[in-house]
Amino acid sequence: MNNNQETMQNEETICCWVFPPNTPLQKEKIWDDNDNDILFKNNNPSGPGLRDLDELVAVNFWCESVNLGNKFTLLRKVNYSKKLAIILTYREEDDKRVLIDGFLLTNGKKYIVTDFRTHDALQVNGIIYEMVATCNYDV
């Protein structure tokens, strides 16, 4: 094996989105199988929240999608260090996704997801988050 082949085998491959998606639906699909950051928002700010998730710190998730047929998609998003999982079911309509059902699982409890969206850039409290998703949930 020559030095070029050896070097190529030892290098890490970094994923990037070279060709931007054409439609909003195509854009959302790039999030399905790529790790991404998520910001969480409790729909009842005066009620109990998920502690560390309500600090408006982006949490990185491993992601996987499964096509269920008939324009339905199941998404799994997991953060192993925080022992947190998000399960979402979407239906594709025209050029957008409609959340059918979703929930968070953490510390043996289940919380209903009421909204899940992706953003190229989002400003929250003076901080700009790029390529981030937002997840609203009910306690």
C-alpha atoms as a PDB file:
ATOM      1  CA  MET A   1       0.000   0.000   0.000  1.00  0.00           C
ATOM      2  CA  ASN A   2       1.443   3.393  -0.902  1.00  0.00           C
ATOM      3  CA  ASN A   3       1.455   6.437   1.388  1.00  0.00           C
ATOM      4  CA  ASN A   4      -1.531   8.075  -0.370  1.00  0.00           C
ATOM      5  CA  GLN A   5      -3.754   5.040   0.185  1.00  0.00           C
ATOM      6  CA  GLU A   6      -2.603   4.731   3.779  1.00  0.00           C
ATOM      7  CA  THR A   7      -3.329   8.398   4.470  1.00  0.00           C
ATOM      8  CA  MET A   8      -6.780   8.191   2.869  1.00  0.00           C
ATOM      9  CA  GLN A   9      -7.743   5.186   4.982  1.00  0.00           C
ATOM     10  CA  ASN A  10      -6.771   6.929   8.228  1.00  0.00           C
ATOM     11  CA  GLU A  11      -8.573  10.203   7.515  1.00  0.00           C
ATOM     12  CA  GLU A  12     -12.010  10.880   8.920  1.00  0.00           C
ATOM     13  CA  THR A  13     -14.748  11.671   6.436  1.00  0.00           C
ATOM     14  CA  ILE A  14     -16.730  14.752   7.342  1.00  0.00           C
ATOM     15  CA  CYS A  15     -20.251  14.967   6.010  1.00  0.00           C
ATOM     16  CA  CYS A  16     -21.337  18.190   4.452  1.00  0.00           C
ATOM     17  CA  TRP A  17     -24.277  19.377   2.411  1.00  0.00           C
ATOM     18  CA  VAL A  18     -22.566  20.443  -0.796  1.00  0.00           C
ATOM     19  CA  PHE A  19     -25.719  20.689  -2.892  1.00  0.00           C
ATOM     20  CA  PRO A  20     -28.411  22.689  -1.110  1.00  0.00           C
ATOM     21  CA  PRO A  21     -31.880  21.122  -1.188  1.00  0.00           C
ATOM     22  CA  ASN A  22     -34.377  22.572  -3.645  1.00  0.00           C
ATOM     23  CA  THR A  23     -37.591  22.519  -1.604  1.00  0.00           C
ATOM     24  CA  PRO A  24     -38.472  22.898   2.081  1.00  0.00           C
ATOM     25  CA  LEU A  25     -39.400  19.201   2.236  1.00  0.00           C
ATOM     26  CA  GLN A  26     -36.050  18.172   0.751  1.00  0.00           C
ATOM     27  CA  LYS A  27     -34.380  20.468   3.268  1.00  0.00           C
ATOM     28  CA  GLU A  28     -36.157  18.767   6.185  1.00  0.00           C
ATOM     29  CA  LYS A  29     -35.137  15.337   4.913  1.00  0.00           C
ATOM     30  CA  ILE A  30     -31.442  16.195   5.221  1.00  0.00           C
ATOM     31  CA  TRP A  31     -32.037  16.280   8.988  1.00  0.00           C
ATOM     32  CA  ASP A  32     -33.433  12.744   9.093  1.00  0.00           C
ATOM     33  CA  ASP A  33     -30.186  10.783   9.071  1.00  0.00           C
ATOM     34  CA  ASN A  34     -27.634  13.411  10.124  1.00  0.00           C
ATOM     35  CA  ASP A  35     -26.700  14.296  13.675  1.00  0.00           C
ATOM     36  CA  ASN A  36     -28.123  17.677  14.629  1.00  0.00           C
ATOM     37  CA  ASP A  37     -28.603  20.052  17.531  1.00  0.00           C
ATOM     38  CA  ILE A  38     -32.008  20.602  19.116  1.00  0.00           C
ATOM     39  CA  LEU A  39     -33.257  23.423  21.336  1.00  0.00           C
ATOM     40  CA  PHE A  40     -36.138  22.534  23.687  1.00  0.00           C
ATOM     41  CA  LYS A  41     -39.022  24.687  24.877  1.00  0.00           C
ATOM     42  CA  ASN A  42     -41.511  23.745  27.594  1.00  0.00           C
ATOM     43  CA  ASN A  43     -44.990  24.932  26.536  1.00  0.00           C
ATOM     44  CA  ASN A  44     -45.735  25.667  30.209  1.00  0.00           C
ATOM     45  CA  PRO A  45     -42.747  27.782  31.351  1.00  0.00           C
ATOM     46  CA  SER A  46     -44.081  28.157  34.889  1.00  0.00           C
ATOM     47  CA  GLY A  47     -44.505  24.387  35.268  1.00  0.00           C
ATOM     48  CA  PRO A  48     -41.833  21.753  35.852  1.00  0.00           C
ATOM     49  CA  GLY A  49     -39.529  21.204  32.911  1.00  0.00           C
ATOM     50  CA  LEU A  50     -36.852  18.746  31.922  1.00  0.00           C
ATOM     51  CA  ARG A  51     -34.176  20.615  33.927  1.00  0.00           C
ATOM     52  CA  ASP A  52     -31.075  20.703  31.735  1.00  0.00           C
ATOM     53  CA  LEU A  53     -33.127  20.883  28.525  1.00  0.00           C
ATOM     54  CA  ASP A  54     -34.746  24.169  29.507  1.00  0.00           C
ATOM     55  CA  GLU A  55     -31.462  26.076  29.690  1.00  0.00           C
ATOM     56  CA  LEU A  56     -31.654  26.913  25.952  1.00  0.00           C
ATOM     57  CA  VAL A  57     -28.487  24.990  25.218  1.00  0.00           C
ATOM     58  CA  ALA A  58     -28.425  23.055  21.973  1.00  0.00           C
ATOM     59  CA  VAL A  59     -28.277  19.304  22.604  1.00  0.00           C
ATOM     60  CA  ASN A  60     -26.702  17.135  19.903  1.00  0.00           C
ATOM     61  CA  PHE A  61     -28.661  14.075  18.731  1.00  0.00           C
ATOM     62  CA  TRP A  62     -27.936  10.995  16.656  1.00  0.00           C
ATOM     63  CA  CYS A  63     -30.762  10.591  14.129  1.00  0.00           C
ATOM     64  CA  GLU A  64     -32.364   7.868  12.030  1.00  0.00           C
ATOM     65  CA  SER A  65     -35.428   7.773   9.776  1.00  0.00           C
ATOM     66  CA  VAL A  66     -37.678   4.992   8.563  1.00  0.00           C
ATOM     67  CA  ASN A  67     -40.032   5.376   5.600  1.00  0.00           C
ATOM     68  CA  LEU A  68     -43.369   3.856   6.656  1.00  0.00           C
ATOM     69  CA  GLY A  69     -44.969   4.177   3.198  1.00  0.00           C
ATOM     70  CA  ASN A  70     -47.942   6.281   2.098  1.00  0.00           C
ATOM     71  CA  LYS A  71     -45.911   9.460   2.753  1.00  0.00           C
ATOM     72  CA  PHE A  72     -45.340   8.671   6.456  1.00  0.00           C
ATOM     73  CA  THR A  73     -41.916   8.865   8.124  1.00  0.00           C
ATOM     74  CA  LEU A  74     -40.789   7.735  11.577  1.00  0.00           C
ATOM     75  CA  LEU A  75     -37.848   9.660  13.069  1.00  0.00           C
ATOM     76  CA  ARG A  76     -35.728   8.552  16.020  1.00  0.00           C
ATOM     77  CA  LYS A  77     -33.380  11.007  17.679  1.00  0.00           C
ATOM     78  CA  VAL A  78     -31.195   9.889  20.591  1.00  0.00           C
ATOM     79  CA  ASN A  79     -28.702  11.533  22.931  1.00  0.00           C
ATOM     80  CA  TYR A  80     -27.019   8.698  24.817  1.00  0.00           C
ATOM     81  CA  SER A  81     -25.183  10.821  27.399  1.00  0.00           C
ATOM     82  CA  LYS A  82     -28.401  12.561  28.519  1.00  0.00           C
ATOM     83  CA  LYS A  83     -30.393   9.313  28.132  1.00  0.00           C
ATOM     84  CA  LEU A  84     -32.959  11.138  26.032  1.00  0.00           C
ATOM     85  CA  ALA A  85     -34.906   9.915  23.001  1.00  0.00           C
ATOM     86  CA  ILE A  86     -37.344  11.664  20.685  1.00  0.00           C
ATOM     87  CA  ILE A  87     -39.757   9.695  18.510  1.00  0.00           C
ATOM     88  CA  LEU A  88     -41.636  11.605  15.789  1.00  0.00           C
ATOM     89  CA  THR A  89     -44.114  10.532  13.112  1.00  0.00           C
ATOM     90  CA  TYR A  90     -44.651  12.825  10.118  1.00  0.00           C
ATOM     91  CA  ARG A  91     -46.898  12.830   7.077  1.00  0.00           C
ATOM     92  CA  GLU A  92     -45.685  14.538   3.915  1.00  0.00           C
ATOM     93  CA  GLU A  93     -48.179  16.968   2.382  1.00  0.00           C
ATOM     94  CA  ASP A  94     -47.368  18.927  -0.766  1.00  0.00           C
ATOM     95  CA  ASP A  95     -44.081  20.634   0.058  1.00  0.00           C
ATOM     96  CA  LYS A  96     -44.129  20.328   3.871  1.00  0.00           C
ATOM     97  CA  ARG A  97     -44.278  17.891   6.752  1.00  0.00           C
ATOM     98  CA  VAL A  98     -47.113  17.628   9.233  1.00  0.00           C
ATOM     99  CA  LEU A  99     -46.317  16.259  12.696  1.00  0.00           C
ATOM    100  CA  ILE A 100     -48.739  13.401  13.405  1.00  0.00           C
ATOM    101  CA  ASP A 101     -47.410  12.343  16.787  1.00  0.00           C
ATOM    102  CA  GLY A 102     -44.291  12.753  18.861  1.00  0.00           C
ATOM    103  CA  PHE A 103     -42.893  12.273  22.325  1.00  0.00           C
ATOM    104  CA  LEU A 104     -39.736  12.597  24.430  1.00  0.00           C
ATOM    105  CA  LEU A 105     -38.546   9.795  26.671  1.00  0.00           C
ATOM    106  CA  THR A 106     -36.239  10.595  29.578  1.00  0.00           C
ATOM    107  CA  ASN A 107     -35.797   9.422  33.156  1.00  0.00           C
ATOM    108  CA  GLY A 108     -38.580   6.878  32.701  1.00  0.00           C
ATOM    109  CA  LYS A 109     -41.093   9.591  31.755  1.00  0.00           C
ATOM    110  CA  LYS A 110     -42.863  10.431  28.525  1.00  0.00           C
ATOM    111  CA  TYR A 111     -43.578  14.005  27.370  1.00  0.00           C
ATOM    112  CA  ILE A 112     -45.727  14.941  24.366  1.00  0.00           C
ATOM    113  CA  VAL A 113     -43.995  16.831  21.529  1.00  0.00           C
ATOM    114  CA  THR A 114     -46.312  19.529  20.170  1.00  0.00           C
ATOM    115  CA  ASP A 115     -44.010  21.026  17.538  1.00  0.00           C
ATOM    116  CA  PHE A 116     -40.712  20.114  15.892  1.00  0.00           C
ATOM    117  CA  ARG A 117     -39.113  22.354  13.249  1.00  0.00           C
ATOM    118  CA  THR A 118     -35.759  22.760  11.555  1.00  0.00           C
ATOM    119  CA  HIS A 119     -33.999  26.104  11.056  1.00  0.00           C
ATOM    120  CA  ASP A 120     -31.022  27.201   8.964  1.00  0.00           C
ATOM    121  CA  ALA A 121     -30.373  29.872  11.590  1.00  0.00           C
ATOM    122  CA  LEU A 122     -32.285  30.868  14.719  1.00  0.00           C
ATOM    123  CA  GLN A 123     -31.591  33.706  17.144  1.00  0.00           C
ATOM    124  CA  VAL A 124     -32.551  33.062  20.784  1.00  0.00           C
ATOM    125  CA  ASN A 125     -31.592  35.455  23.600  1.00  0.00           C
ATOM    126  CA  GLY A 126     -28.898  37.080  21.449  1.00  0.00           C
ATOM    127  CA  ILE A 127     -27.314  33.757  20.428  1.00  0.00           C
ATOM    128  CA  ILE A 128     -27.484  32.640  16.804  1.00  0.00           C
ATOM    129  CA  TYR A 129     -27.810  28.880  16.356  1.00  0.00           C
ATOM    130  CA  GLU A 130     -27.071  27.537  12.874  1.00  0.00           C
ATOM    131  CA  MET A 131     -28.558  24.305  11.492  1.00  0.00           C
ATOM    132  CA  VAL A 132     -30.643  23.703  14.624  1.00  0.00           C
ATOM    133  CA  ALA A 133     -34.049  22.165  15.300  1.00  0.00           C
ATOM    134  CA  THR A 134     -36.581  23.292  17.895  1.00  0.00           C
ATOM    135  CA  CYS A 135     -38.750  20.944  19.917  1.00  0.00           C
ATOM    136  CA  ASN A 136     -41.755  22.185  21.916  1.00  0.00           C
ATOM    137  CA  TYR A 137     -43.139  19.789  24.501  1.00  0.00           C
ATOM    138  CA  ASP A 138     -45.868  19.549  27.154  1.00  0.00           C
ATOM    139  CA  VAL A 139     -45.164  18.568  30.751  1.00  0.00           C
END
